[in-house]
Amino acid sequence: MSNIVFDMDDILWGLNEKATKILGIDFNKIICPNARHNPLLTDKEKDELIAMYGNPELWKDIVWYDGATNIRDLEKYGHKVWIKSNCMNTGVRDFKDTFTSPTFNLPKDQIILDISQEAKTLMEDVLIFCDDLPPNILNSTAKYTLFLDKPWNQDITVGIRCYSFAEMYQKIEQLIEKENGYVSKSA
């Protein structure tokens, strides 16, 4: 049994879309994963965005991408689905912990909420990894790495770029079917 690992923020829902909308910042100005190093943001915007990432309120009333809450359905192919999400602080982690397991119908031990701003490390035997951040994509040890097209990952030339979560989910199913030895009807 292999593992399929999903990041949460900006893969299963639009964290930066919501944060920039609340703050009145143009979403397309988010061109690098670290707000502090973003040359398009003013110092005030950088401070506001960083504060927003540390505020658990940002995770209230999430609008999940279409199909995102169905990721556990991928286990029907014989693989284990995980969520591995970095958090700015314990407040964010603790709040995410209250809704992640019930929302995705995943056992708590398949949800890893790290307090970290470092690149993610993956467990062994990861077939598919889905993330949006360049360091995570570039350092992925998964057989297949998929990512959603975002302003901050435009320079990435490795992995599989997807333009919606629905497209990502379809590609995941096709990759799993290929690995399991049969051809997808949608291929």
N, C-alpha and C. Protein backbone atom coordinates (compact mmCIF):
# COMPACT_ATOMS: atom_id res chain seq x y z
N MET A 1 0.85 -1.18 0.00
CA MET A 1 0.00 0.00 0.00
C MET A 1 0.89 1.24 0.00
N SER A 2 0.66 2.10 -0.95
CA SER A 2 1.38 3.37 -1.03
C SER A 2 0.55 4.47 -0.39
N ASN A 3 1.17 5.62 -0.26
CA ASN A 3 0.53 6.77 0.37
C ASN A 3 0.25 7.87 -0.65
N ILE A 4 -0.87 8.54 -0.45
CA ILE A 4 -1.22 9.73 -1.22
C ILE A 4 -1.33 10.86 -0.20
N VAL A 5 -0.53 11.90 -0.38
CA VAL A 5 -0.43 12.96 0.62
C VAL A 5 -0.90 14.29 0.01
N PHE A 6 -1.82 14.94 0.71
CA PHE A 6 -2.33 16.25 0.30
C PHE A 6 -1.92 17.31 1.31
N ASP A 7 -1.43 18.43 0.81
CA ASP A 7 -1.36 19.64 1.61
C ASP A 7 -2.81 20.12 1.75
N MET A 8 -3.09 20.95 2.74
CA MET A 8 -4.43 21.46 2.90
C MET A 8 -4.59 22.83 2.25
N ASP A 9 -3.78 23.78 2.68
CA ASP A 9 -3.95 25.19 2.30
C ASP A 9 -3.44 25.43 0.88
N ASP A 10 -4.30 25.97 0.06
CA ASP A 10 -4.06 26.25 -1.35
C ASP A 10 -3.98 25.00 -2.21
N ILE A 11 -4.37 23.85 -1.64
CA ILE A 11 -4.56 22.62 -2.42
C ILE A 11 -6.01 22.17 -2.27
N LEU A 12 -6.51 22.11 -1.05
CA LEU A 12 -7.89 21.70 -0.81
C LEU A 12 -8.84 22.89 -0.69
N TRP A 13 -8.29 24.05 -0.47
CA TRP A 13 -9.08 25.29 -0.42
C TRP A 13 -8.15 26.46 -0.67
N GLY A 14 -8.71 27.60 -1.00
CA GLY A 14 -7.94 28.78 -1.38
C GLY A 14 -7.56 29.68 -0.23
N LEU A 15 -6.59 29.27 0.58
CA LEU A 15 -6.14 30.07 1.71
C LEU A 15 -5.71 31.47 1.27
N ASN A 16 -4.82 31.56 0.30
CA ASN A 16 -4.33 32.88 -0.11
C ASN A 16 -5.39 33.71 -0.81
N GLU A 17 -6.32 33.07 -1.52
CA GLU A 17 -7.42 33.82 -2.11
C GLU A 17 -8.24 34.48 -1.00
N LYS A 18 -8.51 33.72 0.07
CA LYS A 18 -9.30 34.27 1.17
C LYS A 18 -8.53 35.35 1.92
N ALA A 19 -7.27 35.09 2.24
CA ALA A 19 -6.47 36.06 3.00
C ALA A 19 -6.34 37.38 2.24
N THR A 20 -6.03 37.30 0.95
CA THR A 20 -5.85 38.54 0.18
C THR A 20 -7.18 39.28 0.00
N LYS A 21 -8.26 38.53 -0.12
CA LYS A 21 -9.58 39.18 -0.25
C LYS A 21 -9.92 39.94 1.03
N ILE A 22 -9.71 39.30 2.18
CA ILE A 22 -9.99 39.96 3.46
C ILE A 22 -9.16 41.24 3.61
N LEU A 23 -7.89 41.17 3.20
CA LEU A 23 -6.97 42.29 3.39
C LEU A 23 -7.00 43.31 2.25
N GLY A 24 -7.71 43.01 1.17
CA GLY A 24 -7.76 43.93 0.04
C GLY A 24 -6.45 43.98 -0.75
N ILE A 25 -5.74 42.87 -0.78
CA ILE A 25 -4.48 42.76 -1.52
C ILE A 25 -4.76 41.99 -2.81
N ASP A 26 -4.16 42.41 -3.90
CA ASP A 26 -4.30 41.70 -5.18
C ASP A 26 -3.67 40.31 -5.04
N PHE A 27 -4.47 39.27 -5.23
CA PHE A 27 -4.00 37.89 -5.11
C PHE A 27 -2.78 37.63 -5.99
N ASN A 28 -2.74 38.21 -7.17
CA ASN A 28 -1.64 37.96 -8.11
C ASN A 28 -0.31 38.57 -7.65
N LYS A 29 -0.35 39.36 -6.59
CA LYS A 29 0.90 39.89 -6.02
C LYS A 29 1.61 38.85 -5.15
N ILE A 30 0.95 37.74 -4.85
CA ILE A 30 1.55 36.71 -3.99
C ILE A 30 2.42 35.82 -4.90
N ILE A 31 3.64 36.29 -5.18
CA ILE A 31 4.49 35.61 -6.15
C ILE A 31 5.60 34.76 -5.51
N CYS A 32 5.68 34.76 -4.19
CA CYS A 32 6.66 33.88 -3.55
C CYS A 32 6.06 33.36 -2.25
N PRO A 33 6.52 32.18 -1.80
CA PRO A 33 5.90 31.54 -0.65
C PRO A 33 6.13 32.26 0.68
N ASN A 34 7.11 33.12 0.75
CA ASN A 34 7.40 33.83 1.99
C ASN A 34 7.03 35.30 1.80
N ALA A 35 5.97 35.73 2.47
CA ALA A 35 5.48 37.10 2.32
C ALA A 35 6.58 38.13 2.61
N ARG A 36 7.41 37.84 3.58
CA ARG A 36 8.47 38.77 3.97
C ARG A 36 9.43 39.06 2.81
N HIS A 37 9.60 38.11 1.89
CA HIS A 37 10.53 38.28 0.77
C HIS A 37 9.85 38.68 -0.53
N ASN A 38 8.57 38.98 -0.47
CA ASN A 38 7.81 39.29 -1.68
C ASN A 38 8.03 40.74 -2.09
N PRO A 39 8.69 40.99 -3.24
CA PRO A 39 8.99 42.36 -3.65
C PRO A 39 7.77 43.15 -4.10
N LEU A 40 6.66 42.50 -4.37
CA LEU A 40 5.46 43.20 -4.83
C LEU A 40 4.59 43.72 -3.69
N LEU A 41 4.87 43.28 -2.47
CA LEU A 41 4.06 43.70 -1.32
C LEU A 41 4.72 44.86 -0.59
N THR A 42 3.89 45.76 -0.10
CA THR A 42 4.40 46.82 0.77
C THR A 42 4.73 46.21 2.13
N ASP A 43 5.49 46.92 2.95
CA ASP A 43 5.80 46.42 4.28
C ASP A 43 4.51 46.21 5.08
N LYS A 44 3.56 47.10 4.92
CA LYS A 44 2.28 46.97 5.63
C LYS A 44 1.55 45.70 5.17
N GLU A 45 1.51 45.46 3.87
CA GLU A 45 0.85 44.26 3.35
C GLU A 45 1.55 42.99 3.84
N LYS A 46 2.88 43.01 3.88
CA LYS A 46 3.63 41.86 4.39
C LYS A 46 3.25 41.57 5.84
N ASP A 47 3.24 42.62 6.66
CA ASP A 47 2.90 42.45 8.08
C ASP A 47 1.47 41.94 8.25
N GLU A 48 0.54 42.51 7.49
CA GLU A 48 -0.86 42.09 7.60
C GLU A 48 -1.04 40.63 7.15
N LEU A 49 -0.39 40.26 6.09
CA LEU A 49 -0.52 38.89 5.58
C LEU A 49 0.08 37.88 6.55
N ILE A 50 1.24 38.18 7.09
CA ILE A 50 1.87 37.27 8.06
C ILE A 50 1.00 37.14 9.30
N ALA A 51 0.45 38.24 9.76
CA ALA A 51 -0.45 38.19 10.92
C ALA A 51 -1.69 37.35 10.59
N MET A 52 -2.20 37.48 9.38
CA MET A 52 -3.38 36.72 8.97
C MET A 52 -3.08 35.21 8.97
N TYR A 53 -1.89 34.81 8.49
CA TYR A 53 -1.53 33.39 8.48
C TYR A 53 -1.46 32.81 9.89
N GLY A 54 -1.20 33.63 10.87
CA GLY A 54 -1.12 33.17 12.25
C GLY A 54 -2.44 33.26 13.00
N ASN A 55 -3.49 33.72 12.35
CA ASN A 55 -4.79 33.90 12.99
C ASN A 55 -5.72 32.74 12.66
N PRO A 56 -6.10 31.93 13.65
CA PRO A 56 -7.00 30.80 13.39
C PRO A 56 -8.32 31.20 12.71
N GLU A 57 -8.74 32.45 12.87
CA GLU A 57 -9.99 32.91 12.25
C GLU A 57 -9.98 32.74 10.73
N LEU A 58 -8.81 32.77 10.14
CA LEU A 58 -8.71 32.60 8.69
C LEU A 58 -9.29 31.26 8.24
N TRP A 59 -9.25 30.25 9.11
CA TRP A 59 -9.72 28.91 8.76
C TRP A 59 -11.20 28.70 9.08
N LYS A 60 -11.88 29.73 9.51
CA LYS A 60 -13.33 29.61 9.75
C LYS A 60 -14.06 29.77 8.42
N ASP A 61 -15.13 29.05 8.29
CA ASP A 61 -16.00 29.16 7.11
C ASP A 61 -15.24 28.91 5.80
N ILE A 62 -14.41 27.88 5.80
CA ILE A 62 -13.66 27.52 4.61
C ILE A 62 -14.63 27.07 3.51
N VAL A 63 -14.35 27.50 2.31
CA VAL A 63 -15.05 26.99 1.13
C VAL A 63 -14.06 26.07 0.43
N TRP A 64 -14.31 24.78 0.53
CA TRP A 64 -13.40 23.77 -0.05
C TRP A 64 -13.55 23.76 -1.55
N TYR A 65 -12.45 23.49 -2.24
CA TYR A 65 -12.53 23.32 -3.69
C TYR A 65 -13.47 22.14 -3.99
N ASP A 66 -14.17 22.24 -5.11
CA ASP A 66 -15.11 21.17 -5.51
C ASP A 66 -14.42 19.82 -5.52
N GLY A 67 -14.97 18.88 -4.77
CA GLY A 67 -14.44 17.52 -4.71
C GLY A 67 -13.37 17.30 -3.66
N ALA A 68 -12.87 18.36 -3.04
CA ALA A 68 -11.76 18.22 -2.09
C ALA A 68 -12.12 17.37 -0.88
N THR A 69 -13.35 17.47 -0.41
CA THR A 69 -13.72 16.72 0.79
C THR A 69 -13.91 15.23 0.50
N ASN A 70 -13.76 14.83 -0.75
CA ASN A 70 -13.91 13.42 -1.13
C ASN A 70 -12.58 12.70 -1.30
N ILE A 71 -11.48 13.27 -0.82
CA ILE A 71 -10.18 12.67 -1.08
C ILE A 71 -10.05 11.26 -0.50
N ARG A 72 -10.76 10.97 0.57
CA ARG A 72 -10.65 9.63 1.15
C ARG A 72 -11.17 8.57 0.20
N ASP A 73 -12.03 8.95 -0.73
CA ASP A 73 -12.54 8.00 -1.72
C ASP A 73 -11.40 7.36 -2.51
N LEU A 74 -10.26 8.02 -2.58
CA LEU A 74 -9.11 7.46 -3.31
C LEU A 74 -8.57 6.19 -2.66
N GLU A 75 -8.95 5.95 -1.41
CA GLU A 75 -8.49 4.74 -0.73
C GLU A 75 -9.10 3.47 -1.35
N LYS A 76 -10.15 3.64 -2.14
CA LYS A 76 -10.75 2.49 -2.81
C LYS A 76 -9.76 1.82 -3.76
N TYR A 77 -8.71 2.54 -4.14
CA TYR A 77 -7.70 1.99 -5.04
C TYR A 77 -6.60 1.24 -4.28
N GLY A 78 -6.72 1.17 -2.95
CA GLY A 78 -5.74 0.42 -2.16
C GLY A 78 -4.58 1.25 -1.64
N HIS A 79 -4.72 2.56 -1.63
CA HIS A 79 -3.68 3.44 -1.11
C HIS A 79 -4.23 4.20 0.09
N LYS A 80 -3.34 4.68 0.94
CA LYS A 80 -3.74 5.40 2.15
C LYS A 80 -3.63 6.90 1.89
N VAL A 81 -4.70 7.64 2.21
CA VAL A 81 -4.75 9.09 2.01
C VAL A 81 -4.37 9.80 3.31
N TRP A 82 -3.50 10.79 3.16
CA TRP A 82 -3.03 11.60 4.28
C TRP A 82 -3.23 13.08 3.98
N ILE A 83 -3.37 13.87 5.03
CA ILE A 83 -3.25 15.32 4.93
C ILE A 83 -2.04 15.70 5.77
N LYS A 84 -1.14 16.47 5.16
CA LYS A 84 0.05 16.96 5.85
C LYS A 84 0.10 18.45 5.62
N SER A 85 -0.15 19.21 6.68
CA SER A 85 -0.28 20.65 6.56
C SER A 85 0.58 21.37 7.59
N ASN A 86 1.31 22.37 7.13
CA ASN A 86 2.08 23.19 8.05
C ASN A 86 1.20 24.29 8.64
N CYS A 87 1.49 24.66 9.88
CA CYS A 87 0.74 25.68 10.59
C CYS A 87 1.72 26.71 11.17
N MET A 88 1.30 27.96 11.22
CA MET A 88 2.17 29.03 11.75
C MET A 88 2.38 28.91 13.25
N ASN A 89 1.38 28.41 13.97
CA ASN A 89 1.47 28.38 15.43
C ASN A 89 0.50 27.35 16.00
N THR A 90 0.54 27.17 17.30
CA THR A 90 -0.34 26.17 17.94
C THR A 90 -1.81 26.54 17.82
N GLY A 91 -2.13 27.82 17.83
CA GLY A 91 -3.52 28.23 17.69
C GLY A 91 -4.12 27.78 16.37
N VAL A 92 -3.36 27.97 15.29
CA VAL A 92 -3.82 27.54 13.97
C VAL A 92 -3.90 26.02 13.93
N ARG A 93 -2.86 25.35 14.43
CA ARG A 93 -2.86 23.88 14.44
C ARG A 93 -4.05 23.34 15.22
N ASP A 94 -4.27 23.87 16.40
CA ASP A 94 -5.36 23.37 17.24
C ASP A 94 -6.72 23.61 16.59
N PHE A 95 -6.88 24.75 15.91
CA PHE A 95 -8.15 25.01 15.24
C PHE A 95 -8.33 24.07 14.05
N LYS A 96 -7.28 23.90 13.23
CA LYS A 96 -7.37 22.97 12.10
C LYS A 96 -7.72 21.56 12.60
N ASP A 97 -7.18 21.20 13.74
CA ASP A 97 -7.41 19.87 14.30
C ASP A 97 -8.88 19.62 14.63
N THR A 98 -9.63 20.69 14.90
CA THR A 98 -11.04 20.52 15.27
C THR A 98 -11.92 20.11 14.10
N PHE A 99 -11.53 20.44 12.89
CA PHE A 99 -12.42 20.17 11.75
C PHE A 99 -11.84 19.23 10.69
N THR A 100 -10.55 19.00 10.68
CA THR A 100 -9.96 18.26 9.58
C THR A 100 -10.44 16.81 9.51
N SER A 101 -10.37 16.08 10.60
CA SER A 101 -10.77 14.68 10.59
C SER A 101 -12.24 14.50 10.19
N PRO A 102 -13.18 15.23 10.80
CA PRO A 102 -14.58 15.05 10.40
C PRO A 102 -14.87 15.52 8.97
N THR A 103 -14.23 16.60 8.53
CA THR A 103 -14.49 17.12 7.18
C THR A 103 -14.09 16.11 6.12
N PHE A 104 -12.94 15.47 6.31
CA PHE A 104 -12.41 14.57 5.28
C PHE A 104 -12.65 13.10 5.60
N ASN A 105 -13.31 12.83 6.72
CA ASN A 105 -13.60 11.46 7.14
C ASN A 105 -12.33 10.62 7.20
N LEU A 106 -11.26 11.25 7.68
CA LEU A 106 -9.97 10.57 7.82
C LEU A 106 -9.69 10.31 9.29
N PRO A 107 -9.08 9.18 9.60
CA PRO A 107 -8.65 8.96 10.99
C PRO A 107 -7.62 10.02 11.38
N LYS A 108 -7.64 10.42 12.63
CA LYS A 108 -6.72 11.46 13.10
C LYS A 108 -5.26 11.11 12.86
N ASP A 109 -4.93 9.81 12.87
CA ASP A 109 -3.52 9.45 12.66
C ASP A 109 -3.10 9.59 11.19
N GLN A 110 -4.02 9.93 10.29
CA GLN A 110 -3.69 10.19 8.89
C GLN A 110 -3.68 11.69 8.59
N ILE A 111 -3.67 12.47 9.66
CA ILE A 111 -3.62 13.93 9.53
C ILE A 111 -2.42 14.43 10.33
N ILE A 112 -1.51 15.07 9.64
CA ILE A 112 -0.30 15.59 10.27
C ILE A 112 -0.33 17.11 10.16
N LEU A 113 -0.44 17.76 11.30
CA LEU A 113 -0.47 19.22 11.35
C LEU A 113 0.79 19.68 12.07
N ASP A 114 1.79 20.08 11.30
CA ASP A 114 3.08 20.50 11.86
C ASP A 114 3.12 22.00 12.08
N ILE A 115 3.76 22.41 13.16
CA ILE A 115 4.04 23.82 13.36
C ILE A 115 5.40 24.05 12.74
N SER A 116 5.37 24.60 11.53
CA SER A 116 6.61 24.73 10.77
C SER A 116 6.39 25.63 9.57
N GLN A 117 7.44 26.31 9.17
CA GLN A 117 7.44 27.03 7.91
C GLN A 117 8.55 26.50 7.01
N GLU A 118 9.05 25.33 7.37
CA GLU A 118 10.09 24.66 6.59
C GLU A 118 9.45 23.78 5.53
N ALA A 119 10.25 23.37 4.55
CA ALA A 119 9.76 22.44 3.53
C ALA A 119 9.30 21.14 4.19
N LYS A 120 8.26 20.57 3.64
CA LYS A 120 7.72 19.33 4.19
C LYS A 120 8.63 18.15 3.88
N THR A 121 8.69 17.23 4.83
CA THR A 121 9.33 15.95 4.59
C THR A 121 8.22 14.91 4.54
N LEU A 122 8.37 13.95 3.67
CA LEU A 122 7.33 12.94 3.49
C LEU A 122 7.73 11.62 4.12
N MET A 123 6.73 10.86 4.48
CA MET A 123 6.97 9.50 4.96
C MET A 123 7.45 8.66 3.79
N GLU A 124 7.82 7.43 4.06
CA GLU A 124 8.27 6.55 2.99
C GLU A 124 7.09 6.09 2.14
N ASP A 125 7.40 5.66 0.94
CA ASP A 125 6.43 5.05 0.04
C ASP A 125 5.26 5.98 -0.31
N VAL A 126 5.59 7.21 -0.74
CA VAL A 126 4.56 8.13 -1.19
C VAL A 126 4.46 8.02 -2.71
N LEU A 127 3.31 7.60 -3.16
CA LEU A 127 3.06 7.50 -4.59
C LEU A 127 2.77 8.88 -5.17
N ILE A 128 1.88 9.62 -4.49
CA ILE A 128 1.43 10.91 -5.01
C ILE A 128 1.46 11.94 -3.89
N PHE A 129 2.03 13.11 -4.18
CA PHE A 129 2.09 14.22 -3.25
C PHE A 129 1.51 15.44 -3.94
N CYS A 130 0.59 16.12 -3.28
CA CYS A 130 -0.06 17.31 -3.82
C CYS A 130 0.23 18.51 -2.92
N ASP A 131 0.91 19.51 -3.46
CA ASP A 131 1.29 20.69 -2.69
C ASP A 131 1.38 21.86 -3.65
N ASP A 132 1.48 23.07 -3.10
CA ASP A 132 1.55 24.27 -3.94
C ASP A 132 2.87 25.02 -3.83
N LEU A 133 3.63 24.75 -2.78
CA LEU A 133 4.83 25.54 -2.52
C LEU A 133 6.06 25.00 -3.24
N PRO A 134 6.80 25.86 -3.92
CA PRO A 134 7.99 25.41 -4.64
C PRO A 134 8.96 24.56 -3.82
N PRO A 135 9.33 24.92 -2.58
CA PRO A 135 10.27 24.06 -1.86
C PRO A 135 9.72 22.64 -1.64
N ASN A 136 8.43 22.53 -1.39
CA ASN A 136 7.83 21.21 -1.18
C ASN A 136 7.77 20.41 -2.48
N ILE A 137 7.46 21.09 -3.57
CA ILE A 137 7.40 20.42 -4.88
C ILE A 137 8.80 19.96 -5.29
N LEU A 138 9.76 20.86 -5.17
CA LEU A 138 11.12 20.56 -5.60
C LEU A 138 11.80 19.49 -4.75
N ASN A 139 11.45 19.42 -3.46
CA ASN A 139 12.07 18.45 -2.56
C ASN A 139 11.26 17.16 -2.41
N SER A 140 10.20 17.04 -3.17
CA SER A 140 9.32 15.88 -3.03
C SER A 140 10.05 14.58 -3.36
N THR A 141 9.82 13.57 -2.53
CA THR A 141 10.36 12.24 -2.77
C THR A 141 9.28 11.30 -3.32
N ALA A 142 8.11 11.84 -3.60
CA ALA A 142 7.01 11.03 -4.14
C ALA A 142 7.30 10.62 -5.57
N LYS A 143 6.70 9.54 -6.00
CA LYS A 143 6.84 9.11 -7.39
C LYS A 143 6.23 10.15 -8.32
N TYR A 144 5.06 10.71 -7.91
CA TYR A 144 4.40 11.75 -8.68
C TYR A 144 4.10 12.93 -7.76
N THR A 145 4.42 14.12 -8.23
CA THR A 145 4.10 15.33 -7.48
C THR A 145 3.19 16.19 -8.35
N LEU A 146 2.04 16.53 -7.80
CA LEU A 146 1.08 17.37 -8.49
C LEU A 146 0.94 18.68 -7.74
N PHE A 147 0.68 19.76 -8.46
CA PHE A 147 0.49 21.04 -7.79
C PHE A 147 -0.52 21.87 -8.55
N LEU A 148 -1.23 22.71 -7.79
CA LEU A 148 -2.18 23.63 -8.39
C LEU A 148 -1.44 24.88 -8.84
N ASP A 149 -1.78 25.35 -10.01
CA ASP A 149 -1.17 26.55 -10.57
C ASP A 149 -1.51 27.75 -9.69
N LYS A 150 -0.48 28.39 -9.18
CA LYS A 150 -0.63 29.57 -8.33
C LYS A 150 0.41 30.60 -8.74
N PRO A 151 0.21 31.87 -8.44
CA PRO A 151 1.21 32.89 -8.82
C PRO A 151 2.60 32.61 -8.25
N TRP A 152 2.69 31.95 -7.11
CA TRP A 152 3.98 31.71 -6.46
C TRP A 152 4.71 30.46 -6.97
N ASN A 153 4.10 29.70 -7.87
CA ASN A 153 4.82 28.52 -8.38
C ASN A 153 4.95 28.52 -9.90
N GLN A 154 4.97 29.69 -10.49
CA GLN A 154 5.05 29.80 -11.95
C GLN A 154 6.36 29.30 -12.54
N ASP A 155 7.43 29.33 -11.76
CA ASP A 155 8.74 28.90 -12.28
C ASP A 155 8.98 27.39 -12.17
N ILE A 156 8.05 26.66 -11.58
CA ILE A 156 8.24 25.23 -11.38
C ILE A 156 8.08 24.49 -12.71
N THR A 157 9.08 23.68 -13.04
CA THR A 157 9.06 22.93 -14.30
C THR A 157 9.07 21.42 -14.06
N VAL A 158 9.01 21.00 -12.81
CA VAL A 158 8.93 19.58 -12.48
C VAL A 158 7.53 19.30 -11.95
N GLY A 159 7.16 18.05 -11.91
CA GLY A 159 5.85 17.69 -11.39
C GLY A 159 4.76 17.90 -12.43
N ILE A 160 3.53 17.79 -11.97
CA ILE A 160 2.37 17.90 -12.85
C ILE A 160 1.54 19.09 -12.41
N ARG A 161 1.50 20.10 -13.25
CA ARG A 161 0.73 21.32 -12.96
C ARG A 161 -0.74 21.08 -13.29
N CYS A 162 -1.61 21.47 -12.37
CA CYS A 162 -3.05 21.35 -12.57
C CYS A 162 -3.67 22.73 -12.39
N TYR A 163 -4.78 22.95 -13.05
CA TYR A 163 -5.41 24.27 -13.03
C TYR A 163 -6.69 24.33 -12.21
N SER A 164 -7.08 23.21 -11.63
CA SER A 164 -8.22 23.17 -10.71
C SER A 164 -8.07 21.91 -9.86
N PHE A 165 -8.79 21.88 -8.75
CA PHE A 165 -8.74 20.66 -7.94
C PHE A 165 -9.39 19.50 -8.68
N ALA A 166 -10.45 19.79 -9.43
CA ALA A 166 -11.11 18.71 -10.19
C ALA A 166 -10.14 18.08 -11.18
N GLU A 167 -9.34 18.88 -11.86
CA GLU A 167 -8.34 18.34 -12.78
C GLU A 167 -7.30 17.53 -12.01
N MET A 168 -6.87 18.03 -10.85
CA MET A 168 -5.89 17.32 -10.03
C MET A 168 -6.44 15.95 -9.63
N TYR A 169 -7.67 15.91 -9.16
CA TYR A 169 -8.27 14.66 -8.72
C TYR A 169 -8.34 13.65 -9.87
N GLN A 170 -8.72 14.14 -11.04
CA GLN A 170 -8.80 13.27 -12.21
C GLN A 170 -7.42 12.71 -12.56
N LYS A 171 -6.40 13.56 -12.52
CA LYS A 171 -5.04 13.09 -12.83
C LYS A 171 -4.56 12.08 -11.78
N ILE A 172 -4.92 12.31 -10.53
CA ILE A 172 -4.56 11.35 -9.48
C ILE A 172 -5.17 9.99 -9.78
N GLU A 173 -6.46 9.98 -10.12
CA GLU A 173 -7.11 8.71 -10.45
C GLU A 173 -6.44 8.03 -11.64
N GLN A 174 -6.07 8.79 -12.64
CA GLN A 174 -5.41 8.23 -13.81
C GLN A 174 -4.04 7.65 -13.44
N LEU A 175 -3.29 8.36 -12.60
CA LEU A 175 -1.98 7.86 -12.18
C LEU A 175 -2.11 6.59 -11.35
N ILE A 176 -3.09 6.56 -10.46
CA ILE A 176 -3.31 5.37 -9.64
C ILE A 176 -3.70 4.19 -10.54
N GLU A 177 -4.61 4.42 -11.46
CA GLU A 177 -5.03 3.35 -12.36
C GLU A 177 -3.85 2.85 -13.19
N LYS A 178 -2.99 3.75 -13.64
CA LYS A 178 -1.79 3.36 -14.38
C LYS A 178 -0.89 2.49 -13.49
N GLU A 179 -0.68 2.92 -12.25
CA GLU A 179 0.16 2.17 -11.32
C GLU A 179 -0.45 0.81 -10.98
N ASN A 180 -1.78 0.76 -10.90
CA ASN A 180 -2.47 -0.48 -10.56
C ASN A 180 -2.64 -1.40 -11.77
N GLY A 181 -2.26 -0.91 -12.96
CA GLY A 181 -2.24 -1.77 -14.14
C GLY A 181 -3.49 -1.79 -14.98
N TYR A 182 -4.32 -0.77 -14.88
CA TYR A 182 -5.44 -0.70 -15.80
C TYR A 182 -5.63 0.73 -16.28
N VAL A 183 -6.32 0.89 -17.39
CA VAL A 183 -6.43 2.17 -18.04
C VAL A 183 -7.73 2.86 -17.63
N SER A 184 -7.63 4.14 -17.33
CA SER A 184 -8.80 4.93 -16.96
C SER A 184 -9.72 5.13 -18.17
N LYS A 185 -11.00 5.10 -17.91
CA LYS A 185 -11.98 5.36 -18.97
C LYS A 185 -11.90 6.80 -19.45
N SER A 186 -11.40 7.69 -18.56
CA SER A 186 -11.33 9.11 -18.91
C SER A 186 -9.98 9.50 -19.50
N ALA A 187 -9.07 8.55 -19.63
CA ALA A 187 -7.72 8.87 -20.16
C ALA A 187 -7.75 9.12 -21.65
